[in-house]
Amino acid sequence: MQIRTEQEQDHPFVFTLIKKAFEGEEFTDHKEQYLVERLRKSAAFIPELSLVALADEKIVGYVLLTEISIIPVAANPSKTFGFSTAGCRSSLPKERDRRRINQGSASKS
C-alpha cells in the first residue's frame, strides 16, 4: 500500500469512496463527501494533510486533517442568558492572538 498527498484529479474518486464508505451508516446525513469538498475550499485546508491510500494504483483510503478550534462552552441556562454567544465572541480575538504567537514561535524553530 502506498500513501501520498491527494491530487486534484483524485477528487472524483475520493468523493465516490467517501459516499460508499458511509452508505450503510445509520447516524449520518450521507453528505460527508460534500463536507470534504467544502473543507478543501476553506482556510483550514492544508493540502499536505489530505492523503490517499493506494493499492494496485487505485484509491482505497482517504484521510483529511484540518486546523480546527474547539471551544467548550457551558453555562447555567436559567442564570446566564446569552452567555454562550457572548463568551464565544469574546474568546475569538484571544484565540487569533494565541495562534499568531504559536505560529511565530513555530516559524523561528
N, C-alpha and C. Protein backbone atom coordinates (compact mmCIF):
# COMPACT_ATOMS: atom_id res chain seq x y z
N MET A 1 0.85 -1.18 0.00
CA MET A 1 0.00 0.00 0.00
C MET A 1 0.89 1.24 0.00
N GLN A 2 0.49 2.20 -0.79
CA GLN A 2 1.22 3.47 -0.87
C GLN A 2 0.32 4.58 -0.35
N ILE A 3 0.89 5.53 0.37
CA ILE A 3 0.14 6.71 0.83
C ILE A 3 0.81 7.93 0.25
N ARG A 4 0.00 8.79 -0.35
CA ARG A 4 0.54 10.01 -0.95
C ARG A 4 -0.44 11.16 -0.77
N THR A 5 0.04 12.35 -1.03
CA THR A 5 -0.81 13.54 -0.96
C THR A 5 -1.87 13.46 -2.06
N GLU A 6 -3.08 13.81 -1.71
CA GLU A 6 -4.17 13.85 -2.68
C GLU A 6 -3.86 14.87 -3.77
N GLN A 7 -4.23 14.53 -4.98
CA GLN A 7 -4.08 15.45 -6.11
C GLN A 7 -5.46 15.79 -6.64
N GLU A 8 -5.55 16.90 -7.35
CA GLU A 8 -6.87 17.36 -7.82
C GLU A 8 -7.60 16.30 -8.64
N GLN A 9 -6.88 15.55 -9.44
CA GLN A 9 -7.53 14.52 -10.27
C GLN A 9 -8.07 13.35 -9.43
N ASP A 10 -7.71 13.29 -8.15
CA ASP A 10 -8.23 12.27 -7.24
C ASP A 10 -9.62 12.60 -6.71
N HIS A 11 -10.01 13.86 -6.77
CA HIS A 11 -11.25 14.31 -6.14
C HIS A 11 -12.47 13.47 -6.49
N PRO A 12 -12.74 13.16 -7.77
CA PRO A 12 -13.94 12.35 -8.06
C PRO A 12 -13.88 10.95 -7.42
N PHE A 13 -12.70 10.36 -7.39
CA PHE A 13 -12.56 9.03 -6.80
C PHE A 13 -12.74 9.08 -5.28
N VAL A 14 -12.20 10.12 -4.66
CA VAL A 14 -12.35 10.31 -3.22
C VAL A 14 -13.82 10.57 -2.88
N PHE A 15 -14.50 11.38 -3.69
CA PHE A 15 -15.92 11.66 -3.50
C PHE A 15 -16.71 10.35 -3.44
N THR A 16 -16.47 9.48 -4.43
CA THR A 16 -17.18 8.20 -4.51
C THR A 16 -16.80 7.29 -3.34
N LEU A 17 -15.53 7.26 -2.99
CA LEU A 17 -15.07 6.44 -1.88
C LEU A 17 -15.76 6.84 -0.57
N ILE A 18 -15.82 8.14 -0.31
CA ILE A 18 -16.45 8.63 0.92
C ILE A 18 -17.95 8.31 0.90
N LYS A 19 -18.59 8.53 -0.23
CA LYS A 19 -20.03 8.24 -0.35
C LYS A 19 -20.30 6.76 -0.05
N LYS A 20 -19.51 5.87 -0.63
CA LYS A 20 -19.70 4.44 -0.40
C LYS A 20 -19.37 4.04 1.03
N ALA A 21 -18.37 4.68 1.62
CA ALA A 21 -17.96 4.34 2.98
C ALA A 21 -19.07 4.61 4.00
N PHE A 22 -19.91 5.61 3.73
CA PHE A 22 -20.95 5.98 4.69
C PHE A 22 -22.35 5.50 4.28
N GLU A 23 -22.47 4.79 3.17
CA GLU A 23 -23.78 4.34 2.68
C GLU A 23 -24.59 3.57 3.72
N GLY A 24 -23.98 2.64 4.38
CA GLY A 24 -24.71 1.79 5.31
C GLY A 24 -24.80 2.31 6.73
N GLU A 25 -24.27 3.49 6.96
CA GLU A 25 -24.28 4.05 8.31
C GLU A 25 -25.64 4.65 8.64
N GLU A 26 -26.10 4.42 9.85
CA GLU A 26 -27.42 4.89 10.26
C GLU A 26 -27.43 6.35 10.70
N PHE A 27 -26.45 6.76 11.48
CA PHE A 27 -26.47 8.09 12.09
C PHE A 27 -25.63 9.07 11.28
N THR A 28 -26.10 9.39 10.10
CA THR A 28 -25.41 10.31 9.20
C THR A 28 -26.42 10.91 8.23
N ASP A 29 -26.09 12.05 7.69
CA ASP A 29 -26.96 12.64 6.66
C ASP A 29 -26.50 12.20 5.27
N HIS A 30 -25.46 11.37 5.22
CA HIS A 30 -24.91 10.83 3.96
C HIS A 30 -24.40 11.94 3.04
N LYS A 31 -23.85 12.98 3.64
CA LYS A 31 -23.30 14.10 2.86
C LYS A 31 -21.85 14.38 3.21
N GLU A 32 -21.17 13.41 3.78
CA GLU A 32 -19.77 13.59 4.17
C GLU A 32 -18.89 13.99 2.99
N GLN A 33 -19.18 13.46 1.82
CA GLN A 33 -18.38 13.77 0.63
C GLN A 33 -18.48 15.26 0.28
N TYR A 34 -19.62 15.87 0.56
CA TYR A 34 -19.77 17.31 0.31
C TYR A 34 -19.03 18.14 1.35
N LEU A 35 -18.97 17.62 2.57
CA LEU A 35 -18.20 18.28 3.62
C LEU A 35 -16.72 18.35 3.21
N VAL A 36 -16.20 17.26 2.67
CA VAL A 36 -14.81 17.25 2.22
C VAL A 36 -14.60 18.28 1.11
N GLU A 37 -15.54 18.38 0.20
CA GLU A 37 -15.43 19.40 -0.86
C GLU A 37 -15.37 20.80 -0.28
N ARG A 38 -16.21 21.08 0.72
CA ARG A 38 -16.21 22.40 1.36
C ARG A 38 -14.92 22.64 2.12
N LEU A 39 -14.43 21.62 2.82
CA LEU A 39 -13.19 21.78 3.57
C LEU A 39 -12.01 22.08 2.66
N ARG A 40 -11.98 21.47 1.48
CA ARG A 40 -10.89 21.75 0.53
C ARG A 40 -10.85 23.22 0.14
N LYS A 41 -12.00 23.87 0.15
CA LYS A 41 -12.08 25.28 -0.26
C LYS A 41 -11.92 26.24 0.93
N SER A 42 -11.79 25.70 2.12
CA SER A 42 -11.75 26.55 3.32
C SER A 42 -10.33 26.96 3.67
N ALA A 43 -10.24 27.96 4.53
CA ALA A 43 -8.94 28.43 5.03
C ALA A 43 -8.27 27.38 5.91
N ALA A 44 -9.04 26.46 6.46
CA ALA A 44 -8.50 25.42 7.34
C ALA A 44 -7.82 24.29 6.56
N PHE A 45 -7.99 24.27 5.25
CA PHE A 45 -7.45 23.18 4.43
C PHE A 45 -5.93 23.28 4.33
N ILE A 46 -5.29 22.16 4.60
CA ILE A 46 -3.83 22.04 4.49
C ILE A 46 -3.57 20.92 3.47
N PRO A 47 -3.22 21.26 2.23
CA PRO A 47 -3.10 20.25 1.17
C PRO A 47 -2.19 19.07 1.54
N GLU A 48 -1.13 19.34 2.28
CA GLU A 48 -0.21 18.26 2.65
C GLU A 48 -0.82 17.25 3.62
N LEU A 49 -1.96 17.60 4.21
CA LEU A 49 -2.64 16.71 5.16
C LEU A 49 -3.90 16.09 4.57
N SER A 50 -4.02 16.13 3.26
CA SER A 50 -5.10 15.46 2.55
C SER A 50 -4.45 14.29 1.80
N LEU A 51 -4.64 13.09 2.33
CA LEU A 51 -3.88 11.93 1.87
C LEU A 51 -4.78 10.83 1.32
N VAL A 52 -4.27 10.13 0.31
CA VAL A 52 -4.96 8.97 -0.23
C VAL A 52 -4.08 7.75 -0.04
N ALA A 53 -4.73 6.61 0.15
CA ALA A 53 -4.04 5.33 0.21
C ALA A 53 -4.31 4.61 -1.09
N LEU A 54 -3.26 4.04 -1.69
CA LEU A 54 -3.38 3.36 -2.97
C LEU A 54 -3.01 1.88 -2.81
N ALA A 55 -3.78 1.03 -3.48
CA ALA A 55 -3.46 -0.38 -3.59
C ALA A 55 -3.67 -0.74 -5.06
N ASP A 56 -2.67 -1.33 -5.66
CA ASP A 56 -2.73 -1.63 -7.10
C ASP A 56 -3.09 -0.38 -7.90
N GLU A 57 -2.53 0.75 -7.47
CA GLU A 57 -2.69 2.05 -8.12
C GLU A 57 -4.13 2.58 -8.12
N LYS A 58 -4.96 2.04 -7.23
CA LYS A 58 -6.34 2.51 -7.08
C LYS A 58 -6.50 3.08 -5.67
N ILE A 59 -7.30 4.15 -5.57
CA ILE A 59 -7.54 4.78 -4.26
C ILE A 59 -8.45 3.88 -3.43
N VAL A 60 -7.93 3.47 -2.27
CA VAL A 60 -8.69 2.59 -1.38
C VAL A 60 -8.90 3.21 0.00
N GLY A 61 -8.32 4.38 0.23
CA GLY A 61 -8.49 5.04 1.52
C GLY A 61 -8.21 6.52 1.40
N TYR A 62 -8.73 7.27 2.36
CA TYR A 62 -8.59 8.72 2.34
C TYR A 62 -8.62 9.24 3.76
N VAL A 63 -7.77 10.23 4.03
CA VAL A 63 -7.82 10.93 5.31
C VAL A 63 -7.57 12.41 5.05
N LEU A 64 -8.30 13.25 5.75
CA LEU A 64 -8.15 14.70 5.64
C LEU A 64 -8.07 15.26 7.05
N LEU A 65 -6.97 15.93 7.33
CA LEU A 65 -6.80 16.61 8.61
C LEU A 65 -6.83 18.11 8.35
N THR A 66 -7.55 18.84 9.17
CA THR A 66 -7.64 20.29 9.02
C THR A 66 -7.38 20.96 10.35
N GLU A 67 -7.11 22.23 10.30
CA GLU A 67 -6.96 23.01 11.51
C GLU A 67 -8.36 23.27 12.06
N ILE A 68 -8.51 23.07 13.36
CA ILE A 68 -9.80 23.35 14.00
C ILE A 68 -9.59 24.07 15.31
N SER A 69 -10.63 24.68 15.80
CA SER A 69 -10.65 25.23 17.14
C SER A 69 -11.84 24.63 17.86
N ILE A 70 -11.59 24.08 19.01
CA ILE A 70 -12.67 23.53 19.82
C ILE A 70 -12.83 24.44 21.02
N ILE A 71 -14.02 24.99 21.14
CA ILE A 71 -14.28 25.94 22.22
C ILE A 71 -15.41 25.38 23.07
N PRO A 72 -15.08 24.75 24.21
CA PRO A 72 -16.15 24.27 25.09
C PRO A 72 -16.86 25.44 25.74
N VAL A 73 -18.17 25.40 25.71
CA VAL A 73 -18.97 26.46 26.31
C VAL A 73 -19.99 25.82 27.22
N ALA A 74 -20.07 26.30 28.45
CA ALA A 74 -21.07 25.80 29.38
C ALA A 74 -21.58 26.95 30.23
N ALA A 75 -22.87 26.97 30.47
CA ALA A 75 -23.48 28.00 31.31
C ALA A 75 -24.80 27.47 31.84
N ASN A 76 -25.19 27.95 33.00
CA ASN A 76 -26.49 27.62 33.55
C ASN A 76 -27.53 28.40 32.76
N PRO A 77 -28.36 27.71 31.97
CA PRO A 77 -29.29 28.42 31.09
C PRO A 77 -30.26 29.35 31.81
N SER A 78 -30.61 29.04 33.05
CA SER A 78 -31.58 29.89 33.75
C SER A 78 -30.93 31.15 34.33
N LYS A 79 -29.62 31.23 34.39
CA LYS A 79 -28.95 32.35 35.04
C LYS A 79 -28.15 33.24 34.08
N THR A 80 -27.76 32.70 32.93
CA THR A 80 -26.80 33.43 32.10
C THR A 80 -27.28 33.54 30.65
N PHE A 81 -28.44 34.08 30.47
CA PHE A 81 -28.99 34.23 29.13
C PHE A 81 -28.01 34.93 28.20
N GLY A 82 -27.68 34.28 27.09
CA GLY A 82 -26.81 34.90 26.10
C GLY A 82 -25.32 34.69 26.34
N PHE A 83 -24.93 34.01 27.43
CA PHE A 83 -23.51 33.85 27.70
C PHE A 83 -22.79 33.07 26.60
N SER A 84 -23.41 32.00 26.11
CA SER A 84 -22.73 31.16 25.12
C SER A 84 -22.28 31.98 23.92
N THR A 85 -23.17 32.79 23.39
CA THR A 85 -22.83 33.63 22.24
C THR A 85 -21.80 34.68 22.63
N ALA A 86 -22.04 35.37 23.73
CA ALA A 86 -21.11 36.42 24.17
C ALA A 86 -19.75 35.83 24.53
N GLY A 87 -19.74 34.67 25.19
CA GLY A 87 -18.48 34.03 25.56
C GLY A 87 -17.67 33.63 24.36
N CYS A 88 -18.34 33.08 23.35
CA CYS A 88 -17.63 32.70 22.12
C CYS A 88 -17.08 33.93 21.41
N ARG A 89 -17.90 34.95 21.30
CA ARG A 89 -17.45 36.16 20.61
C ARG A 89 -16.25 36.79 21.30
N SER A 90 -16.25 36.81 22.61
CA SER A 90 -15.13 37.44 23.31
C SER A 90 -13.88 36.56 23.28
N SER A 91 -14.04 35.26 23.12
CA SER A 91 -12.87 34.38 23.10
C SER A 91 -12.19 34.33 21.74
N LEU A 92 -12.90 34.65 20.67
CA LEU A 92 -12.31 34.54 19.33
C LEU A 92 -11.09 35.42 19.12
N PRO A 93 -11.10 36.71 19.52
CA PRO A 93 -9.88 37.50 19.35
C PRO A 93 -8.70 36.93 20.13
N LYS A 94 -8.95 36.38 21.31
CA LYS A 94 -7.89 35.78 22.11
C LYS A 94 -7.31 34.57 21.38
N GLU A 95 -8.16 33.76 20.78
CA GLU A 95 -7.71 32.59 20.03
C GLU A 95 -6.86 33.01 18.84
N ARG A 96 -7.27 34.06 18.12
CA ARG A 96 -6.47 34.54 16.99
C ARG A 96 -5.09 35.00 17.46
N ASP A 97 -5.05 35.72 18.58
CA ASP A 97 -3.76 36.17 19.13
C ASP A 97 -2.89 34.97 19.52
N ARG A 98 -3.49 33.97 20.14
CA ARG A 98 -2.74 32.78 20.54
C ARG A 98 -2.14 32.10 19.31
N ARG A 99 -2.92 32.00 18.24
CA ARG A 99 -2.42 31.38 17.01
C ARG A 99 -1.25 32.16 16.45
N ARG A 100 -1.36 33.49 16.44
CA ARG A 100 -0.26 34.31 15.92
C ARG A 100 1.02 34.07 16.72
N ILE A 101 0.88 33.99 18.04
CA ILE A 101 2.03 33.75 18.90
C ILE A 101 2.63 32.37 18.60
N ASN A 102 1.76 31.34 18.53
CA ASN A 102 2.24 29.98 18.25
C ASN A 102 2.87 29.87 16.88
N GLN A 103 2.28 30.49 15.87
CA GLN A 103 2.84 30.42 14.53
C GLN A 103 4.17 31.14 14.47
N GLY A 104 4.29 32.25 15.18
CA GLY A 104 5.55 32.99 15.21
C GLY A 104 6.66 32.16 15.85
N SER A 105 6.35 31.49 16.96
CA SER A 105 7.38 30.69 17.63
C SER A 105 7.71 29.44 16.83
N ALA A 106 6.74 28.88 16.11
CA ALA A 106 6.99 27.69 15.30
C ALA A 106 7.87 28.01 14.11
N SER A 107 7.68 29.20 13.53
CA SER A 107 8.48 29.55 12.36
C SER A 107 9.91 29.89 12.72
N LYS A 108 10.17 30.21 14.00
CA LYS A 108 11.52 30.55 14.44
C LYS A 108 12.36 29.31 14.73
N SER A 109 11.72 28.17 14.94
CA SER A 109 12.48 26.97 15.28
C SER A 109 12.99 26.24 14.07
